[in-house]
């Protein structure tokens, strides 16, 4: 859970710097760009922020949906292992794998 929170925060706040001859800016957000910080234009230095709240919400929904899907997949995989008799829960957060010779 902590790793996923770190990935989500990194994906949303990581800036990609673009330095074109007449337009330097930093884009924020993965997979969609939700924020652009313009640093300079052909007329000189500027400090302009453009924020798209809808893209930010889509980014959040995307990352939270991938988190939910991965948790459900892991849960289903664990249930399949238990039903197949490959392993069993021994308590205290430990799993024991059954030996094929048992």
C-alpha atoms as a PDB file:
ATOM      1  CA  UNK A   1       0.000   0.000   0.000  1.00  0.00           C
ATOM      2  CA  UNK A   2       2.826   2.387   0.842  1.00  0.00           C
ATOM      3  CA  UNK A   3       4.601   1.566  -2.409  1.00  0.00           C
ATOM      4  CA  UNK A   4       1.422   2.245  -4.379  1.00  0.00           C
ATOM      5  CA  UNK A   5       0.935   5.596  -2.623  1.00  0.00           C
ATOM      6  CA  UNK A   6       4.527   6.494  -3.492  1.00  0.00           C
ATOM      7  CA  UNK A   7       4.005   5.526  -7.153  1.00  0.00           C
ATOM      8  CA  UNK A   8       0.771   7.508  -7.369  1.00  0.00           C
ATOM      9  CA  UNK A   9       2.378  10.598  -5.844  1.00  0.00           C
ATOM     10  CA  UNK A  10       5.414  10.289  -8.098  1.00  0.00           C
ATOM     11  CA  UNK A  11       3.286   9.835 -11.226  1.00  0.00           C
ATOM     12  CA  UNK A  12       1.209  12.896 -10.446  1.00  0.00           C
ATOM     13  CA  UNK A  13       3.994  15.231  -9.324  1.00  0.00           C
ATOM     14  CA  UNK A  14       6.921  14.270 -11.548  1.00  0.00           C
ATOM     15  CA  UNK A  15       7.762  17.087 -13.940  1.00  0.00           C
ATOM     16  CA  UNK A  16       8.948  16.658 -17.500  1.00  0.00           C
ATOM     17  CA  UNK A  17      11.041  19.630 -18.586  1.00  0.00           C
ATOM     18  CA  UNK A  18      10.809  20.726 -22.217  1.00  0.00           C
ATOM     19  CA  UNK A  19      13.243  23.356 -23.449  1.00  0.00           C
ATOM     20  CA  UNK A  20      12.290  24.466 -26.913  1.00  0.00           C
ATOM     21  CA  UNK A  21      13.989  27.526 -28.443  1.00  0.00           C
ATOM     22  CA  UNK A  22      10.981  29.786 -27.862  1.00  0.00           C
ATOM     23  CA  UNK A  23       9.055  27.926 -25.168  1.00  0.00           C
ATOM     24  CA  UNK A  24      10.425  26.346 -21.965  1.00  0.00           C
ATOM     25  CA  UNK A  25       7.902  24.581 -19.761  1.00  0.00           C
ATOM     26  CA  UNK A  26       7.395  21.727 -17.299  1.00  0.00           C
ATOM     27  CA  UNK A  27       4.502  19.264 -17.698  1.00  0.00           C
ATOM     28  CA  UNK A  28       3.118  17.379 -14.697  1.00  0.00           C
ATOM     29  CA  UNK A  29       1.067  14.179 -14.658  1.00  0.00           C
ATOM     30  CA  UNK A  30       1.046  10.642 -15.987  1.00  0.00           C
ATOM     31  CA  UNK A  31      -0.664   9.361 -18.140  1.00  0.00           C
ATOM     32  CA  UNK A  32      -2.362  12.715 -18.848  1.00  0.00           C
ATOM     33  CA  UNK A  33      -0.781  16.114 -18.363  1.00  0.00           C
ATOM     34  CA  UNK A  34      -2.798  17.932 -15.717  1.00  0.00           C
ATOM     35  CA  UNK A  35      -0.487  20.896 -15.169  1.00  0.00           C
ATOM     36  CA  UNK A  36       1.880  22.996 -17.244  1.00  0.00           C
ATOM     37  CA  UNK A  37       4.286  25.499 -15.747  1.00  0.00           C
ATOM     38  CA  UNK A  38       5.514  27.848 -18.460  1.00  0.00           C
ATOM     39  CA  UNK A  39       8.956  29.242 -17.671  1.00  0.00           C
ATOM     40  CA  UNK A  40       9.800  31.311 -20.746  1.00  0.00           C
ATOM     41  CA  UNK A  41       8.417  32.257 -24.120  1.00  0.00           C
ATOM     42  CA  UNK A  42       9.821  34.039 -27.143  1.00  0.00           C
ATOM     43  CA  UNK A  43       9.118  37.367 -25.424  1.00  0.00           C
ATOM     44  CA  UNK A  44      11.054  36.504 -22.253  1.00  0.00           C
ATOM     45  CA  UNK A  45      10.702  34.935 -18.856  1.00  0.00           C
ATOM     46  CA  UNK A  46       7.210  34.233 -17.543  1.00  0.00           C
ATOM     47  CA  UNK A  47       5.654  32.326 -14.647  1.00  0.00           C
ATOM     48  CA  UNK A  48       2.346  30.912 -15.878  1.00  0.00           C
ATOM     49  CA  UNK A  49       0.542  27.849 -14.518  1.00  0.00           C
ATOM     50  CA  UNK A  50      -2.159  26.064 -16.495  1.00  0.00           C
ATOM     51  CA  UNK A  51      -4.079  23.399 -14.568  1.00  0.00           C
ATOM     52  CA  UNK A  52      -6.662  20.975 -15.950  1.00  0.00           C
ATOM     53  CA  UNK A  53      -8.739  19.636 -13.065  1.00  0.00           C
ATOM     54  CA  UNK A  54     -10.476  17.107 -15.332  1.00  0.00           C
ATOM     55  CA  UNK A  55      -7.116  15.603 -16.396  1.00  0.00           C
ATOM     56  CA  UNK A  56      -6.057  15.479 -12.737  1.00  0.00           C
ATOM     57  CA  UNK A  57      -9.230  13.579 -11.857  1.00  0.00           C
ATOM     58  CA  UNK A  58      -8.718  11.160 -14.758  1.00  0.00           C
ATOM     59  CA  UNK A  59      -5.134  10.557 -13.582  1.00  0.00           C
ATOM     60  CA  UNK A  60      -6.324   9.881 -10.035  1.00  0.00           C
ATOM     61  CA  UNK A  61      -9.067   7.532 -11.242  1.00  0.00           C
ATOM     62  CA  UNK A  62      -6.563   5.707 -13.471  1.00  0.00           C
ATOM     63  CA  UNK A  63      -4.011   5.139 -10.703  1.00  0.00           C
ATOM     64  CA  UNK A  64      -6.606   4.202  -8.097  1.00  0.00           C
ATOM     65  CA  UNK A  65      -8.298   1.804 -10.546  1.00  0.00           C
ATOM     66  CA  UNK A  66      -4.982   0.074 -11.277  1.00  0.00           C
ATOM     67  CA  UNK A  67      -4.472  -0.268  -7.527  1.00  0.00           C
ATOM     68  CA  UNK A  68      -7.905  -1.835  -7.028  1.00  0.00           C
ATOM     69  CA  UNK A  69      -7.435  -4.173  -9.996  1.00  0.00           C
ATOM     70  CA  UNK A  70      -4.058  -5.353  -8.705  1.00  0.00           C
ATOM     71  CA  UNK A  71      -5.456  -5.985  -5.203  1.00  0.00           C
ATOM     72  CA  UNK A  72      -8.426  -7.950  -6.571  1.00  0.00           C
ATOM     73  CA  UNK A  73      -6.133  -9.971  -8.840  1.00  0.00           C
ATOM     74  CA  UNK A  74      -3.816 -10.795  -5.926  1.00  0.00           C
ATOM     75  CA  UNK A  75      -6.787 -11.820  -3.789  1.00  0.00           C
ATOM     76  CA  UNK A  76      -8.191 -14.090  -6.511  1.00  0.00           C
ATOM     77  CA  UNK A  77      -4.762 -15.632  -7.063  1.00  0.00           C
ATOM     78  CA  UNK A  78      -4.443 -16.336  -3.327  1.00  0.00           C
ATOM     79  CA  UNK A  79      -7.884 -17.944  -3.250  1.00  0.00           C
ATOM     80  CA  UNK A  80      -6.958 -20.130  -6.229  1.00  0.00           C
ATOM     81  CA  UNK A  81      -3.758 -21.295  -4.497  1.00  0.00           C
ATOM     82  CA  UNK A  82      -5.684 -22.165  -1.334  1.00  0.00           C
ATOM     83  CA  UNK A  83      -8.407 -24.040  -3.244  1.00  0.00           C
ATOM     84  CA  UNK A  84      -5.836 -25.986  -5.243  1.00  0.00           C
ATOM     85  CA  UNK A  85      -4.224 -27.110  -1.998  1.00  0.00           C
ATOM     86  CA  UNK A  86      -0.822 -25.714  -2.907  1.00  0.00           C
ATOM     87  CA  UNK A  87      -0.457 -23.695   0.301  1.00  0.00           C
ATOM     88  CA  UNK A  88      -2.237 -22.925   3.534  1.00  0.00           C
ATOM     89  CA  UNK A  89      -2.236 -20.014   5.947  1.00  0.00           C
ATOM     90  CA  UNK A  90      -0.338 -20.896   9.109  1.00  0.00           C
ATOM     91  CA  UNK A  91      -1.166 -17.729  11.054  1.00  0.00           C
ATOM     92  CA  UNK A  92       1.022 -14.781  12.133  1.00  0.00           C
ATOM     93  CA  UNK A  93       1.277 -13.638   8.514  1.00  0.00           C
ATOM     94  CA  UNK A  94       3.018 -16.794   7.306  1.00  0.00           C
ATOM     95  CA  UNK A  95       2.095 -19.198   4.539  1.00  0.00           C
ATOM     96  CA  UNK A  96       3.238 -22.788   4.307  1.00  0.00           C
ATOM     97  CA  UNK A  97       3.610 -24.516   0.973  1.00  0.00           C
ATOM     98  CA  UNK A  98       2.457 -28.102   0.961  1.00  0.00           C
ATOM     99  CA  UNK A  99       5.007 -30.667  -0.085  1.00  0.00           C
ATOM    100  CA  UNK A 100       3.935 -32.898  -2.963  1.00  0.00           C
ATOM    101  CA  UNK A 101       4.968 -35.998  -0.986  1.00  0.00           C
ATOM    102  CA  UNK A 102       2.464 -35.399   1.841  1.00  0.00           C
END
